[in-house]
Amino acid sequence: MVVETHVPLQPTPDLADGAYPFPWIEEVEDFLSDLEDQGDVEVFDEGEEDGGVYVFFVTGAGEGDLLAVASRVAALPGVPAGTVAFVSTDEAEEFGLGRRVALPLPAP
């Protein structure tokens, strides 16, 4: 099982002229890397741009835990609104196949 987190590829507002418009991508990658180092999840593949979204992939845990990680990604400072997750497999032929889950998840 793989959970794809799809983040709208929107630039961060109010950045200095010439600044990288998507600093949240590196923040999410660092966050996921830290979780992987702790053994909580595996980063399945490097994130990549797909149309108007940036896609991050996590695996290595149950669906609930992976969706919780995706929810935490959606709540990170600077991550654009409209982030969604797709519960998929590593054999999916395209991104965005599988069950769609709105993020962030409601509090339990």
C-alpha atoms as a PDB file:
ATOM      1  CA  MET A   1       0.000   0.000   0.000  1.00  0.00           C
ATOM      2  CA  VAL A   2       1.119   3.489  -0.866  1.00  0.00           C
ATOM      3  CA  VAL A   3      -0.459   6.766   0.153  1.00  0.00           C
ATOM      4  CA  GLU A   4       0.098   9.557  -2.342  1.00  0.00           C
ATOM      5  CA  THR A   5      -0.193  13.057  -0.929  1.00  0.00           C
ATOM      6  CA  HIS A   6      -1.135  15.525  -3.683  1.00  0.00           C
ATOM      7  CA  VAL A   7      -0.327  19.144  -2.831  1.00  0.00           C
ATOM      8  CA  PRO A   8      -1.498  21.921  -5.177  1.00  0.00           C
ATOM      9  CA  LEU A   9       1.585  23.409  -6.790  1.00  0.00           C
ATOM     10  CA  GLN A  10       0.953  26.952  -5.603  1.00  0.00           C
ATOM     11  CA  PRO A  11       3.742  29.385  -4.804  1.00  0.00           C
ATOM     12  CA  THR A  12       4.131  30.658  -1.277  1.00  0.00           C
ATOM     13  CA  PRO A  13       2.786  34.219  -1.070  1.00  0.00           C
ATOM     14  CA  ASP A  14       4.875  37.212   0.009  1.00  0.00           C
ATOM     15  CA  LEU A  15       8.297  35.747  -0.771  1.00  0.00           C
ATOM     16  CA  ALA A  16      11.261  37.961  -1.507  1.00  0.00           C
ATOM     17  CA  ASP A  17      11.955  38.652  -5.174  1.00  0.00           C
ATOM     18  CA  GLY A  18      13.935  35.792  -6.687  1.00  0.00           C
ATOM     19  CA  ALA A  19      13.143  33.361  -3.845  1.00  0.00           C
ATOM     20  CA  TYR A  20      12.210  29.779  -4.673  1.00  0.00           C
ATOM     21  CA  PRO A  21       8.396  29.845  -4.957  1.00  0.00           C
ATOM     22  CA  PHE A  22       7.778  26.438  -3.348  1.00  0.00           C
ATOM     23  CA  PRO A  23       9.806  26.278  -0.101  1.00  0.00           C
ATOM     24  CA  TRP A  24       7.138  23.994   1.387  1.00  0.00           C
ATOM     25  CA  ILE A  25       8.359  21.142  -0.867  1.00  0.00           C
ATOM     26  CA  GLU A  26      11.667  20.964   0.998  1.00  0.00           C
ATOM     27  CA  GLU A  27       9.864  21.280   4.352  1.00  0.00           C
ATOM     28  CA  VAL A  28       7.632  18.308   3.501  1.00  0.00           C
ATOM     29  CA  GLU A  29      10.615  16.263   2.269  1.00  0.00           C
ATOM     30  CA  ASP A  30      12.499  16.992   5.513  1.00  0.00           C
ATOM     31  CA  PHE A  31       9.429  16.060   7.578  1.00  0.00           C
ATOM     32  CA  LEU A  32       8.991  12.753   5.727  1.00  0.00           C
ATOM     33  CA  SER A  33      12.709  12.008   5.920  1.00  0.00           C
ATOM     34  CA  ASP A  34      12.626  12.500   9.703  1.00  0.00           C
ATOM     35  CA  LEU A  35       9.681  10.097   9.996  1.00  0.00           C
ATOM     36  CA  GLU A  36      11.524   7.577   7.828  1.00  0.00           C
ATOM     37  CA  ASP A  37      14.657   7.896   9.994  1.00  0.00           C
ATOM     38  CA  GLN A  38      12.505   7.146  13.060  1.00  0.00           C
ATOM     39  CA  GLY A  39      11.147   4.026  11.339  1.00  0.00           C
ATOM     40  CA  ASP A  40       7.558   5.297  11.293  1.00  0.00           C
ATOM     41  CA  VAL A  41       7.101   5.129   7.500  1.00  0.00           C
ATOM     42  CA  GLU A  42       9.069   4.608   4.314  1.00  0.00           C
ATOM     43  CA  VAL A  43       9.325   7.266   1.664  1.00  0.00           C
ATOM     44  CA  PHE A  44       8.376   5.137  -1.335  1.00  0.00           C
ATOM     45  CA  ASP A  45       9.787   7.383  -4.023  1.00  0.00           C
ATOM     46  CA  GLU A  46      11.027  10.923  -4.361  1.00  0.00           C
ATOM     47  CA  GLY A  47       8.285  13.477  -4.682  1.00  0.00           C
ATOM     48  CA  GLU A  48       7.547  14.759  -8.129  1.00  0.00           C
ATOM     49  CA  GLU A  49       5.515  17.286 -10.020  1.00  0.00           C
ATOM     50  CA  ASP A  50       2.471  15.963 -11.867  1.00  0.00           C
ATOM     51  CA  GLY A  51       0.445  18.603 -13.647  1.00  0.00           C
ATOM     52  CA  GLY A  52      -0.727  21.140 -11.116  1.00  0.00           C
ATOM     53  CA  VAL A  53       0.244  19.136  -8.019  1.00  0.00           C
ATOM     54  CA  TYR A  54       3.362  17.932  -6.255  1.00  0.00           C
ATOM     55  CA  VAL A  55       3.074  14.290  -5.167  1.00  0.00           C
ATOM     56  CA  PHE A  56       4.739  12.725  -2.106  1.00  0.00           C
ATOM     57  CA  PHE A  57       4.679   8.957  -1.507  1.00  0.00           C
ATOM     58  CA  VAL A  58       4.753   7.043   1.787  1.00  0.00           C
ATOM     59  CA  THR A  59       4.433   3.343   2.580  1.00  0.00           C
ATOM     60  CA  GLY A  60       5.632   0.917   5.242  1.00  0.00           C
ATOM     61  CA  ALA A  61       2.731   1.227   7.701  1.00  0.00           C
ATOM     62  CA  GLY A  62      -0.999   0.586   7.895  1.00  0.00           C
ATOM     63  CA  GLU A  63      -3.493   2.718   6.047  1.00  0.00           C
ATOM     64  CA  GLY A  64      -4.526   4.668   9.148  1.00  0.00           C
ATOM     65  CA  ASP A  65      -0.935   5.564  10.013  1.00  0.00           C
ATOM     66  CA  LEU A  66      -0.117   6.546   6.432  1.00  0.00           C
ATOM     67  CA  LEU A  67      -3.197   8.752   6.197  1.00  0.00           C
ATOM     68  CA  ALA A  68      -2.249  10.334   9.533  1.00  0.00           C
ATOM     69  CA  VAL A  69       1.154  11.209   8.019  1.00  0.00           C
ATOM     70  CA  ALA A  70      -0.539  12.689   4.941  1.00  0.00           C
ATOM     71  CA  SER A  71      -2.811  14.702   7.231  1.00  0.00           C
ATOM     72  CA  ARG A  72       0.199  16.035   9.121  1.00  0.00           C
ATOM     73  CA  VAL A  73       1.798  17.021   5.797  1.00  0.00           C
ATOM     74  CA  ALA A  74      -1.351  18.958   4.863  1.00  0.00           C
ATOM     75  CA  ALA A  75      -1.188  20.818   8.181  1.00  0.00           C
ATOM     76  CA  LEU A  76       2.480  21.860   7.901  1.00  0.00           C
ATOM     77  CA  PRO A  77       3.023  25.628   7.754  1.00  0.00           C
ATOM     78  CA  GLY A  78       3.081  26.923   4.193  1.00  0.00           C
ATOM     79  CA  VAL A  79       1.523  23.831   2.594  1.00  0.00           C
ATOM     80  CA  PRO A  80      -1.227  25.068   0.261  1.00  0.00           C
ATOM     81  CA  ALA A  81      -4.868  24.321   1.018  1.00  0.00           C
ATOM     82  CA  GLY A  82      -6.537  21.661  -1.091  1.00  0.00           C
ATOM     83  CA  THR A  83      -4.106  18.857  -0.297  1.00  0.00           C
ATOM     84  CA  VAL A  84      -5.589  15.383  -0.765  1.00  0.00           C
ATOM     85  CA  ALA A  85      -4.393  11.800  -0.372  1.00  0.00           C
ATOM     86  CA  PHE A  86      -4.942   8.749  -2.537  1.00  0.00           C
ATOM     87  CA  VAL A  87      -4.708   5.244  -1.096  1.00  0.00           C
ATOM     88  CA  SER A  88      -3.027   3.303  -3.877  1.00  0.00           C
ATOM     89  CA  THR A  89      -0.505   0.559  -4.606  1.00  0.00           C
ATOM     90  CA  ASP A  90       3.042   0.600  -5.870  1.00  0.00           C
ATOM     91  CA  GLU A  91       1.738  -1.048  -9.048  1.00  0.00           C
ATOM     92  CA  ALA A  92      -0.628   1.779 -10.021  1.00  0.00           C
ATOM     93  CA  GLU A  93       0.024   2.930 -13.569  1.00  0.00           C
ATOM     94  CA  GLU A  94      -0.790   6.576 -12.841  1.00  0.00           C
ATOM     95  CA  PHE A  95      -0.934   8.980  -9.929  1.00  0.00           C
ATOM     96  CA  GLY A  96      -4.289   9.627  -8.327  1.00  0.00           C
ATOM     97  CA  LEU A  97      -5.704   6.152  -8.753  1.00  0.00           C
ATOM     98  CA  GLY A  98      -7.328   4.691  -5.680  1.00  0.00           C
ATOM     99  CA  ARG A  99      -9.514   5.985  -2.908  1.00  0.00           C
ATOM    100  CA  ARG A 100      -9.407   9.786  -2.498  1.00  0.00           C
ATOM    101  CA  VAL A 101      -9.206  11.193   1.039  1.00  0.00           C
ATOM    102  CA  ALA A 102      -9.658  14.895   1.865  1.00  0.00           C
ATOM    103  CA  LEU A 103      -6.978  16.356   4.140  1.00  0.00           C
ATOM    104  CA  PRO A 104      -6.381  17.247   6.857  1.00  0.00           C
ATOM    105  CA  LEU A 105      -8.330  14.482   8.530  1.00  0.00           C
ATOM    106  CA  PRO A 106     -10.859  15.445  11.199  1.00  0.00           C
ATOM    107  CA  ALA A 107      -9.556  15.225  14.769  1.00  0.00           C
ATOM    108  CA  PRO A 108     -10.494  11.923  16.455  1.00  0.00           C
END
